[in-house]
Amino acid sequence: MRKWLKRHIDEVRLSLSKLSFRQGVVVLIVCVLFYVASFAQMALPISAKAKSVLWIVLFGCAKMAQYTGLAIVGVEGWRRIKAYLRLNKRRAADK
């Protein structure tokens, strides 16, 4: 069982490593959209049970997209994203 799991995890890592930085950023943007949708659905006029199911599904999709996006961009990609956001913050403060 352990060898089977390790083999499949390695296969997933290999396939994710083939994706580009840009694709990882797109997945992270989708993650943000899922987070917004998971909390925005609370304003819908539907039953509490339906809201709970929607929240669980949307929040789960957001978490899945978050971890997948971070796995795609990697550590160096995450540093690039943070540097870009800091640069934009400085530019906005200078104006």
PDB file of N, CA and C in Angstrom:
ATOM      1  N   MET A   1       0.824  -1.197   0.000  1.00  0.00           N
ATOM      2  CA  MET A   1       0.000   0.000   0.000  1.00  0.00           C
ATOM      3  C   MET A   1       0.866   1.257   0.000  1.00  0.00           C
ATOM      4  N   ARG A   2       1.920   1.223   0.808  1.00  0.00           N
ATOM      5  CA  ARG A   2       2.786   2.383   0.923  1.00  0.00           C
ATOM      6  C   ARG A   2       3.512   2.668  -0.400  1.00  0.00           C
ATOM      7  N   LYS A   3       4.005   1.623  -1.057  1.00  0.00           N
ATOM      8  CA  LYS A   3       4.697   1.792  -2.333  1.00  0.00           C
ATOM      9  C   LYS A   3       3.746   2.316  -3.394  1.00  0.00           C
ATOM     10  N   TRP A   4       2.525   1.822  -3.376  1.00  0.00           N
ATOM     11  CA  TRP A   4       1.517   2.263  -4.338  1.00  0.00           C
ATOM     12  C   TRP A   4       1.231   3.750  -4.163  1.00  0.00           C
ATOM     13  N   LEU A   5       1.063   4.183  -2.916  1.00  0.00           N
ATOM     14  CA  LEU A   5       0.776   5.590  -2.641  1.00  0.00           C
ATOM     15  C   LEU A   5       1.956   6.471  -3.029  1.00  0.00           C
ATOM     16  N   LYS A   6       3.154   6.058  -2.679  1.00  0.00           N
ATOM     17  CA  LYS A   6       4.345   6.832  -3.020  1.00  0.00           C
ATOM     18  C   LYS A   6       4.503   6.951  -4.530  1.00  0.00           C
ATOM     19  N   ARG A   7       4.229   5.875  -5.249  1.00  0.00           N
ATOM     20  CA  ARG A   7       4.343   5.904  -6.704  1.00  0.00           C
ATOM     21  C   ARG A   7       3.353   6.893  -7.306  1.00  0.00           C
ATOM     22  N   HIS A   8       2.121   6.903  -6.812  1.00  0.00           N
ATOM     23  CA  HIS A   8       1.114   7.814  -7.346  1.00  0.00           C
ATOM     24  C   HIS A   8       1.403   9.264  -6.972  1.00  0.00           C
ATOM     25  N   ILE A   9       1.906   9.496  -5.787  1.00  0.00           N
ATOM     26  CA  ILE A   9       2.276  10.857  -5.398  1.00  0.00           C
ATOM     27  C   ILE A   9       3.412  11.356  -6.282  1.00  0.00           C
ATOM     28  N   ASP A  10       4.379  10.508  -6.566  1.00  0.00           N
ATOM     29  CA  ASP A  10       5.475  10.885  -7.454  1.00  0.00           C
ATOM     30  C   ASP A  10       4.977  11.178  -8.865  1.00  0.00           C
ATOM     31  N   GLU A  11       4.003  10.415  -9.339  1.00  0.00           N
ATOM     32  CA  GLU A  11       3.427  10.662 -10.665  1.00  0.00           C
ATOM     33  C   GLU A  11       2.723  12.014 -10.715  1.00  0.00           C
ATOM     34  N   VAL A  12       1.993  12.341  -9.665  1.00  0.00           N
ATOM     35  CA  VAL A  12       1.300  13.631  -9.608  1.00  0.00           C
ATOM     36  C   VAL A  12       2.308  14.768  -9.568  1.00  0.00           C
ATOM     37  N   ARG A  13       3.352  14.630  -8.763  1.00  0.00           N
ATOM     38  CA  ARG A  13       4.398  15.659  -8.710  1.00  0.00           C
ATOM     39  C   ARG A  13       5.044  15.864 -10.073  1.00  0.00           C
ATOM     40  N   LEU A  14       5.320  14.780 -10.747  1.00  0.00           N
ATOM     41  CA  LEU A  14       5.953  14.865 -12.066  1.00  0.00           C
ATOM     42  C   LEU A  14       5.044  15.575 -13.070  1.00  0.00           C
ATOM     43  N   SER A  15       3.764  15.237 -13.053  1.00  0.00           N
ATOM     44  CA  SER A  15       2.850  15.873 -14.004  1.00  0.00           C
ATOM     45  C   SER A  15       2.630  17.349 -13.665  1.00  0.00           C
ATOM     46  N   LEU A  16       2.605  17.701 -12.372  1.00  0.00           N
ATOM     47  CA  LEU A  16       2.451  19.106 -11.999  1.00  0.00           C
ATOM     48  C   LEU A  16       3.703  19.909 -12.316  1.00  0.00           C
ATOM     49  N   SER A  17       4.861  19.285 -12.228  1.00  0.00           N
ATOM     50  CA  SER A  17       6.099  20.007 -12.504  1.00  0.00           C
ATOM     51  C   SER A  17       6.236  20.355 -13.984  1.00  0.00           C
ATOM     52  N   LYS A  18       5.491  19.691 -14.835  1.00  0.00           N
ATOM     53  CA  LYS A  18       5.533  19.981 -16.265  1.00  0.00           C
ATOM     54  C   LYS A  18       4.725  21.224 -16.633  1.00  0.00           C
ATOM     55  N   LEU A  19       3.877  21.685 -15.720  1.00  0.00           N
ATOM     56  CA  LEU A  19       3.057  22.855 -15.998  1.00  0.00           C
ATOM     57  C   LEU A  19       3.864  24.128 -15.784  1.00  0.00           C
ATOM     58  N   SER A  20       3.477  25.189 -16.486  1.00  0.00           N
ATOM     59  CA  SER A  20       4.244  26.432 -16.441  1.00  0.00           C
ATOM     60  C   SER A  20       3.847  27.294 -15.237  1.00  0.00           C
ATOM     61  N   PHE A  21       4.685  28.280 -14.978  1.00  0.00           N
ATOM     62  CA  PHE A  21       4.432  29.238 -13.911  1.00  0.00           C
ATOM     63  C   PHE A  21       3.112  29.968 -14.136  1.00  0.00           C
ATOM     64  N   ARG A  22       2.863  30.346 -15.370  1.00  0.00           N
ATOM     65  CA  ARG A  22       1.640  31.070 -15.706  1.00  0.00           C
ATOM     66  C   ARG A  22       0.400  30.234 -15.408  1.00  0.00           C
ATOM     67  N   GLN A  23       0.460  28.951 -15.708  1.00  0.00           N
ATOM     68  CA  GLN A  23      -0.665  28.073 -15.411  1.00  0.00           C
ATOM     69  C   GLN A  23      -0.886  27.969 -13.901  1.00  0.00           C
ATOM     70  N   GLY A  24       0.191  27.972 -13.132  1.00  0.00           N
ATOM     71  CA  GLY A  24       0.067  27.965 -11.678  1.00  0.00           C
ATOM     72  C   GLY A  24      -0.596  29.219 -11.160  1.00  0.00           C
ATOM     73  N   VAL A  25      -0.251  30.364 -11.752  1.00  0.00           N
ATOM     74  CA  VAL A  25      -0.872  31.627 -11.345  1.00  0.00           C
ATOM     75  C   VAL A  25      -2.359  31.620 -11.685  1.00  0.00           C
ATOM     76  N   VAL A  26      -2.717  31.079 -12.818  1.00  0.00           N
ATOM     77  CA  VAL A  26      -4.129  30.981 -13.193  1.00  0.00           C
ATOM     78  C   VAL A  26      -4.889  30.106 -12.194  1.00  0.00           C
ATOM     79  N   VAL A  27      -4.285  29.002 -11.789  1.00  0.00           N
ATOM     80  CA  VAL A  27      -4.926  28.127 -10.804  1.00  0.00           C
ATOM     81  C   VAL A  27      -5.088  28.871  -9.476  1.00  0.00           C
ATOM     82  N   LEU A  28      -4.113  29.679  -9.088  1.00  0.00           N
ATOM     83  CA  LEU A  28      -4.243  30.453  -7.847  1.00  0.00           C
ATOM     84  C   LEU A  28      -5.337  31.517  -7.953  1.00  0.00           C
ATOM     85  N   ILE A  29      -5.520  32.099  -9.128  1.00  0.00           N
ATOM     86  CA  ILE A  29      -6.605  33.066  -9.326  1.00  0.00           C
ATOM     87  C   ILE A  29      -7.956  32.361  -9.229  1.00  0.00           C
ATOM     88  N   VAL A  30      -8.050  31.158  -9.793  1.00  0.00           N
ATOM     89  CA  VAL A  30      -9.271  30.363  -9.674  1.00  0.00           C
ATOM     90  C   VAL A  30      -9.541  30.044  -8.206  1.00  0.00           C
ATOM     91  N   CYS A  31      -8.486  29.804  -7.454  1.00  0.00           N
ATOM     92  CA  CYS A  31      -8.608  29.549  -6.021  1.00  0.00           C
ATOM     93  C   CYS A  31      -9.276  30.728  -5.323  1.00  0.00           C
ATOM     94  N   VAL A  32      -8.839  31.931  -5.635  1.00  0.00           N
ATOM     95  CA  VAL A  32      -9.436  33.129  -5.030  1.00  0.00           C
ATOM     96  C   VAL A  32     -10.911  33.231  -5.405  1.00  0.00           C
ATOM     97  N   LEU A  33     -11.242  32.922  -6.642  1.00  0.00           N
ATOM     98  CA  LEU A  33     -12.644  32.974  -7.071  1.00  0.00           C
ATOM     99  C   LEU A  33     -13.496  31.958  -6.304  1.00  0.00           C
ATOM    100  N   PHE A  34     -12.943  30.771  -6.066  1.00  0.00           N
ATOM    101  CA  PHE A  34     -13.669  29.774  -5.276  1.00  0.00           C
ATOM    102  C   PHE A  34     -13.873  30.251  -3.842  1.00  0.00           C
ATOM    103  N   TYR A  35     -12.865  30.893  -3.262  1.00  0.00           N
ATOM    104  CA  TYR A  35     -13.018  31.420  -1.903  1.00  0.00           C
ATOM    105  C   TYR A  35     -14.121  32.475  -1.856  1.00  0.00           C
ATOM    106  N   VAL A  36     -14.126  33.370  -2.820  1.00  0.00           N
ATOM    107  CA  VAL A  36     -15.162  34.413  -2.866  1.00  0.00           C
ATOM    108  C   VAL A  36     -16.536  33.781  -3.017  1.00  0.00           C
ATOM    109  N   ALA A  37     -16.659  32.814  -3.906  1.00  0.00           N
ATOM    110  CA  ALA A  37     -17.948  32.156  -4.128  1.00  0.00           C
ATOM    111  C   ALA A  37     -18.400  31.387  -2.895  1.00  0.00           C
ATOM    112  N   SER A  38     -17.446  30.786  -2.164  1.00  0.00           N
ATOM    113  CA  SER A  38     -17.834  29.993  -1.001  1.00  0.00           C
ATOM    114  C   SER A  38     -18.444  30.851   0.092  1.00  0.00           C
ATOM    115  N   PHE A  39     -18.011  32.102   0.195  1.00  0.00           N
ATOM    116  CA  PHE A  39     -18.598  32.974   1.205  1.00  0.00           C
ATOM    117  C   PHE A  39     -19.746  33.819   0.650  1.00  0.00           C
ATOM    118  N   ALA A  40     -19.721  34.120  -0.641  1.00  0.00           N
ATOM    119  CA  ALA A  40     -20.791  34.917  -1.239  1.00  0.00           C
ATOM    120  C   ALA A  40     -22.100  34.146  -1.313  1.00  0.00           C
ATOM    121  N   GLN A  41     -22.040  32.841  -1.385  1.00  0.00           N
ATOM    122  CA  GLN A  41     -23.264  32.044  -1.480  1.00  0.00           C
ATOM    123  C   GLN A  41     -24.096  32.135  -0.208  1.00  0.00           C
ATOM    124  N   MET A  42     -23.504  32.623   0.879  1.00  0.00           N
ATOM    125  CA  MET A  42     -24.259  32.783   2.129  1.00  0.00           C
ATOM    126  C   MET A  42     -25.395  33.802   1.976  1.00  0.00           C
ATOM    127  N   ALA A  43     -25.269  34.700   1.010  1.00  0.00           N
ATOM    128  CA  ALA A  43     -26.289  35.721   0.793  1.00  0.00           C
ATOM    129  C   ALA A  43     -27.462  35.214  -0.052  1.00  0.00           C
ATOM    130  N   LEU A  44     -27.359  34.013  -0.588  1.00  0.00           N
ATOM    131  CA  LEU A  44     -28.430  33.474  -1.418  1.00  0.00           C
ATOM    132  C   LEU A  44     -29.642  33.094  -0.568  1.00  0.00           C
ATOM    133  N   PRO A  45     -30.844  33.281  -1.108  1.00  0.00           N
ATOM    134  CA  PRO A  45     -32.057  32.928  -0.357  1.00  0.00           C
ATOM    135  C   PRO A  45     -32.409  31.443  -0.502  1.00  0.00           C
ATOM    136  N   ILE A  46     -31.566  30.579   0.030  1.00  0.00           N
ATOM    137  CA  ILE A  46     -31.804  29.140  -0.019  1.00  0.00           C
ATOM    138  C   ILE A  46     -31.713  28.581   1.392  1.00  0.00           C
ATOM    139  N   SER A  47     -32.053  27.322   1.531  1.00  0.00           N
ATOM    140  CA  SER A  47     -32.081  26.716   2.863  1.00  0.00           C
ATOM    141  C   SER A  47     -30.669  26.601   3.443  1.00  0.00           C
ATOM    142  N   ALA A  48     -30.626  26.431   4.752  1.00  0.00           N
ATOM    143  CA  ALA A  48     -29.348  26.314   5.438  1.00  0.00           C
ATOM    144  C   ALA A  48     -28.600  25.055   5.020  1.00  0.00           C
ATOM    145  N   LYS A  49     -29.345  23.989   4.766  1.00  0.00           N
ATOM    146  CA  LYS A  49     -28.693  22.753   4.320  1.00  0.00           C
ATOM    147  C   LYS A  49     -28.012  22.954   2.967  1.00  0.00           C
ATOM    148  N   ALA A  50     -28.706  23.615   2.064  1.00  0.00           N
ATOM    149  CA  ALA A  50     -28.134  23.862   0.738  1.00  0.00           C
ATOM    150  C   ALA A  50     -26.913  24.779   0.839  1.00  0.00           C
ATOM    151  N   LYS A  51     -26.998  25.776   1.724  1.00  0.00           N
ATOM    152  CA  LYS A  51     -25.854  26.663   1.924  1.00  0.00           C
ATOM    153  C   LYS A  51     -24.662  25.899   2.482  1.00  0.00           C
ATOM    154  N   SER A  52     -24.932  24.981   3.397  1.00  0.00           N
ATOM    155  CA  SER A  52     -23.845  24.184   3.981  1.00  0.00           C
ATOM    156  C   SER A  52     -23.174  23.316   2.926  1.00  0.00           C
ATOM    157  N   VAL A  53     -23.975  22.667   2.103  1.00  0.00           N
ATOM    158  CA  VAL A  53     -23.420  21.822   1.051  1.00  0.00           C
ATOM    159  C   VAL A  53     -22.620  22.662   0.061  1.00  0.00           C
ATOM    160  N   LEU A  54     -23.165  23.805  -0.343  1.00  0.00           N
ATOM    161  CA  LEU A  54     -22.457  24.690  -1.265  1.00  0.00           C
ATOM    162  C   LEU A  54     -21.140  25.157  -0.666  1.00  0.00           C
ATOM    163  N   TRP A  55     -21.171  25.530   0.609  1.00  0.00           N
ATOM    164  CA  TRP A  55     -19.952  26.014   1.251  1.00  0.00           C
ATOM    165  C   TRP A  55     -18.894  24.920   1.291  1.00  0.00           C
ATOM    166  N   ILE A  56     -19.286  23.714   1.654  1.00  0.00           N
ATOM    167  CA  ILE A  56     -18.330  22.604   1.733  1.00  0.00           C
ATOM    168  C   ILE A  56     -17.718  22.331   0.358  1.00  0.00           C
ATOM    169  N   VAL A  57     -18.544  22.296  -0.668  1.00  0.00           N
ATOM    170  CA  VAL A  57     -18.045  22.006  -2.020  1.00  0.00           C
ATOM    171  C   VAL A  57     -17.141  23.130  -2.517  1.00  0.00           C
ATOM    172  N   LEU A  58     -17.585  24.381  -2.396  1.00  0.00           N
ATOM    173  CA  LEU A  58     -16.799  25.505  -2.908  1.00  0.00           C
ATOM    174  C   LEU A  58     -15.511  25.714  -2.119  1.00  0.00           C
ATOM    175  N   PHE A  59     -15.589  25.570  -0.799  1.00  0.00           N
ATOM    176  CA  PHE A  59     -14.394  25.735   0.027  1.00  0.00           C
ATOM    177  C   PHE A  59     -13.406  24.605  -0.247  1.00  0.00           C
ATOM    178  N   GLY A  60     -13.917  23.405  -0.461  1.00  0.00           N
ATOM    179  CA  GLY A  60     -13.045  22.286  -0.811  1.00  0.00           C
ATOM    180  C   GLY A  60     -12.359  22.506  -2.151  1.00  0.00           C
ATOM    181  N   CYS A  61     -13.101  23.028  -3.106  1.00  0.00           N
ATOM    182  CA  CYS A  61     -12.500  23.338  -4.411  1.00  0.00           C
ATOM    183  C   CYS A  61     -11.439  24.432  -4.275  1.00  0.00           C
ATOM    184  N   ALA A  62     -11.706  25.411  -3.405  1.00  0.00           N
ATOM    185  CA  ALA A  62     -10.737  26.478  -3.187  1.00  0.00           C
ATOM    186  C   ALA A  62      -9.451  25.925  -2.590  1.00  0.00           C
ATOM    187  N   LYS A  63      -9.568  25.057  -1.608  1.00  0.00           N
ATOM    188  CA  LYS A  63      -8.380  24.465  -0.991  1.00  0.00           C
ATOM    189  C   LYS A  63      -7.615  23.596  -1.994  1.00  0.00           C
ATOM    190  N   MET A  64      -8.342  22.827  -2.781  1.00  0.00           N
ATOM    191  CA  MET A  64      -7.694  21.987  -3.776  1.00  0.00           C
ATOM    192  C   MET A  64      -6.944  22.852  -4.790  1.00  0.00           C
ATOM    193  N   ALA A  65      -7.574  23.929  -5.260  1.00  0.00           N
ATOM    194  CA  ALA A  65      -6.923  24.820  -6.212  1.00  0.00           C
ATOM    195  C   ALA A  65      -5.724  25.523  -5.568  1.00  0.00           C
ATOM    196  N   GLN A  66      -5.851  25.868  -4.296  1.00  0.00           N
ATOM    197  CA  GLN A  66      -4.747  26.528  -3.600  1.00  0.00           C
ATOM    198  C   GLN A  66      -3.515  25.632  -3.545  1.00  0.00           C
ATOM    199  N   TYR A  67      -3.681  24.409  -3.077  1.00  0.00           N
ATOM    200  CA  TYR A  67      -2.543  23.516  -2.955  1.00  0.00           C
ATOM    201  C   TYR A  67      -2.000  23.106  -4.315  1.00  0.00           C
ATOM    202  N   THR A  68      -2.865  22.942  -5.300  1.00  0.00           N
ATOM    203  CA  THR A  68      -2.404  22.602  -6.644  1.00  0.00           C
ATOM    204  C   THR A  68      -1.618  23.760  -7.246  1.00  0.00           C
ATOM    205  N   GLY A  69      -2.137  24.977  -7.101  1.00  0.00           N
ATOM    206  CA  GLY A  69      -1.444  26.150  -7.627  1.00  0.00           C
ATOM    207  C   GLY A  69      -0.086  26.347  -6.982  1.00  0.00           C
ATOM    208  N   LEU A  70      -0.029  26.156  -5.668  1.00  0.00           N
ATOM    209  CA  LEU A  70       1.252  26.294  -4.983  1.00  0.00           C
ATOM    210  C   LEU A  70       2.227  25.194  -5.396  1.00  0.00           C
ATOM    211  N   ALA A  71       1.724  24.007  -5.650  1.00  0.00           N
ATOM    212  CA  ALA A  71       2.597  22.927  -6.114  1.00  0.00           C
ATOM    213  C   ALA A  71       3.121  23.220  -7.512  1.00  0.00           C
ATOM    214  N   ILE A  72       2.316  23.875  -8.333  1.00  0.00           N
ATOM    215  CA  ILE A  72       2.747  24.183  -9.696  1.00  0.00           C
ATOM    216  C   ILE A  72       3.799  25.290  -9.693  1.00  0.00           C
ATOM    217  N   VAL A  73       3.533  26.388  -8.973  1.00  0.00           N
ATOM    218  CA  VAL A  73       4.480  27.507  -9.012  1.00  0.00           C
ATOM    219  C   VAL A  73       5.743  27.210  -8.210  1.00  0.00           C
ATOM    220  N   GLY A  74       5.645  26.421  -7.171  1.00  0.00           N
ATOM    221  CA  GLY A  74       6.817  26.067  -6.381  1.00  0.00           C
ATOM    222  C   GLY A  74       7.284  27.203  -5.495  1.00  0.00           C
ATOM    223  N   VAL A  75       8.383  26.980  -4.827  1.00  0.00           N
ATOM    224  CA  VAL A  75       8.922  27.960  -3.876  1.00  0.00           C
ATOM    225  C   VAL A  75       9.414  29.205  -4.603  1.00  0.00           C
ATOM    226  N   GLU A  76      10.166  29.012  -5.666  1.00  0.00           N
ATOM    227  CA  GLU A  76      10.690  30.168  -6.405  1.00  0.00           C
ATOM    228  C   GLU A  76       9.568  30.975  -7.044  1.00  0.00           C
ATOM    229  N   GLY A  77       8.568  30.300  -7.552  1.00  0.00           N
ATOM    230  CA  GLY A  77       7.429  31.006  -8.134  1.00  0.00           C
ATOM    231  C   GLY A  77       6.671  31.807  -7.096  1.00  0.00           C
ATOM    232  N   TRP A  78       6.528  31.238  -5.894  1.00  0.00           N
ATOM    233  CA  TRP A  78       5.845  31.958  -4.822  1.00  0.00           C
ATOM    234  C   TRP A  78       6.632  33.201  -4.438  1.00  0.00           C
ATOM    235  N   ARG A  79       7.954  33.111  -4.445  1.00  0.00           N
ATOM    236  CA  ARG A  79       8.788  34.300  -4.176  1.00  0.00           C
ATOM    237  C   ARG A  79       8.595  35.351  -5.263  1.00  0.00           C
ATOM    238  N   ARG A  80       8.477  34.910  -6.510  1.00  0.00           N
ATOM    239  CA  ARG A  80       8.232  35.863  -7.608  1.00  0.00           C
ATOM    240  C   ARG A  80       6.903  36.582  -7.429  1.00  0.00           C
ATOM    241  N   ILE A  81       5.870  35.836  -7.033  1.00  0.00           N
ATOM    242  CA  ILE A  81       4.551  36.434  -6.836  1.00  0.00           C
ATOM    243  C   ILE A  81       4.591  37.444  -5.697  1.00  0.00           C
ATOM    244  N   LYS A  82       5.232  37.081  -4.589  1.00  0.00           N
ATOM    245  CA  LYS A  82       5.326  37.996  -3.446  1.00  0.00           C
ATOM    246  C   LYS A  82       6.104  39.258  -3.806  1.00  0.00           C
ATOM    247  N   ALA A  83       7.187  39.102  -4.572  1.00  0.00           N
ATOM    248  CA  ALA A  83       7.975  40.265  -4.988  1.00  0.00           C
ATOM    249  C   ALA A  83       7.144  41.174  -5.892  1.00  0.00           C
ATOM    250  N   TYR A  84       6.361  40.594  -6.776  1.00  0.00           N
ATOM    251  CA  TYR A  84       5.495  41.380  -7.660  1.00  0.00           C
ATOM    252  C   TYR A  84       4.456  42.157  -6.855  1.00  0.00           C
ATOM    253  N   LEU A  85       3.856  41.508  -5.872  1.00  0.00           N
ATOM    254  CA  LEU A  85       2.849  42.175  -5.057  1.00  0.00           C
ATOM    255  C   LEU A  85       3.468  43.288  -4.206  1.00  0.00           C
ATOM    256  N   ARG A  86       4.666  43.062  -3.684  1.00  0.00           N
ATOM    257  CA  ARG A  86       5.350  44.119  -2.911  1.00  0.00           C
ATOM    258  C   ARG A  86       5.670  45.306  -3.790  1.00  0.00           C
ATOM    259  N   LEU A  87       6.109  45.050  -5.025  1.00  0.00           N
ATOM    260  CA  LEU A  87       6.446  46.124  -5.952  1.00  0.00           C
ATOM    261  C   LEU A  87       5.217  46.963  -6.262  1.00  0.00           C
ATOM    262  N   ASN A  88       4.087  46.320  -6.505  1.00  0.00           N
ATOM    263  CA  ASN A  88       2.855  47.057  -6.776  1.00  0.00           C
ATOM    264  C   ASN A  88       2.413  47.854  -5.561  1.00  0.00           C
ATOM    265  N   LYS A  89       2.610  47.308  -4.363  1.00  0.00           N
ATOM    266  CA  LYS A  89       2.256  48.019  -3.142  1.00  0.00           C
ATOM    267  C   LYS A  89       3.105  49.281  -2.985  1.00  0.00           C
ATOM    268  N   ARG A  90       4.400  49.176  -3.289  1.00  0.00           N
ATOM    269  CA  ARG A  90       5.288  50.340  -3.211  1.00  0.00           C
ATOM    270  C   ARG A  90       4.893  51.395  -4.240  1.00  0.00           C
ATOM    271  N   ARG A  91       4.564  50.952  -5.445  1.00  0.00           N
ATOM    272  CA  ARG A  91       4.153  51.901  -6.485  1.00  0.00           C
ATOM    273  C   ARG A  91       2.893  52.647  -6.083  1.00  0.00           C
ATOM    274  N   ALA A  92       1.949  51.949  -5.474  1.00  0.00           N
ATOM    275  CA  ALA A  92       0.711  52.589  -5.038  1.00  0.00           C
ATOM    276  C   ALA A  92       0.979  53.560  -3.909  1.00  0.00           C
ATOM    277  N   ALA A  93       1.929  53.252  -3.027  1.00  0.00           N
ATOM    278  CA  ALA A  93       2.241  54.137  -1.906  1.00  0.00           C
ATOM    279  C   ALA A  93       2.966  55.378  -2.396  1.00  0.00           C
ATOM    280  N   ASP A  94       3.743  55.255  -3.469  1.00  0.00           N
ATOM    281  CA  ASP A  94       4.480  56.413  -4.008  1.00  0.00           C
ATOM    282  C   ASP A  94       3.576  57.420  -4.697  1.00  0.00           C
ATOM    283  N   LYS A  95       2.458  56.950  -5.187  1.00  0.00           N
ATOM    284  CA  LYS A  95       1.550  57.853  -5.924  1.00  0.00           C
ATOM    285  C   LYS A  95       0.816  58.738  -5.009  1.00  0.00           C
TER     286      LYS A  95
END
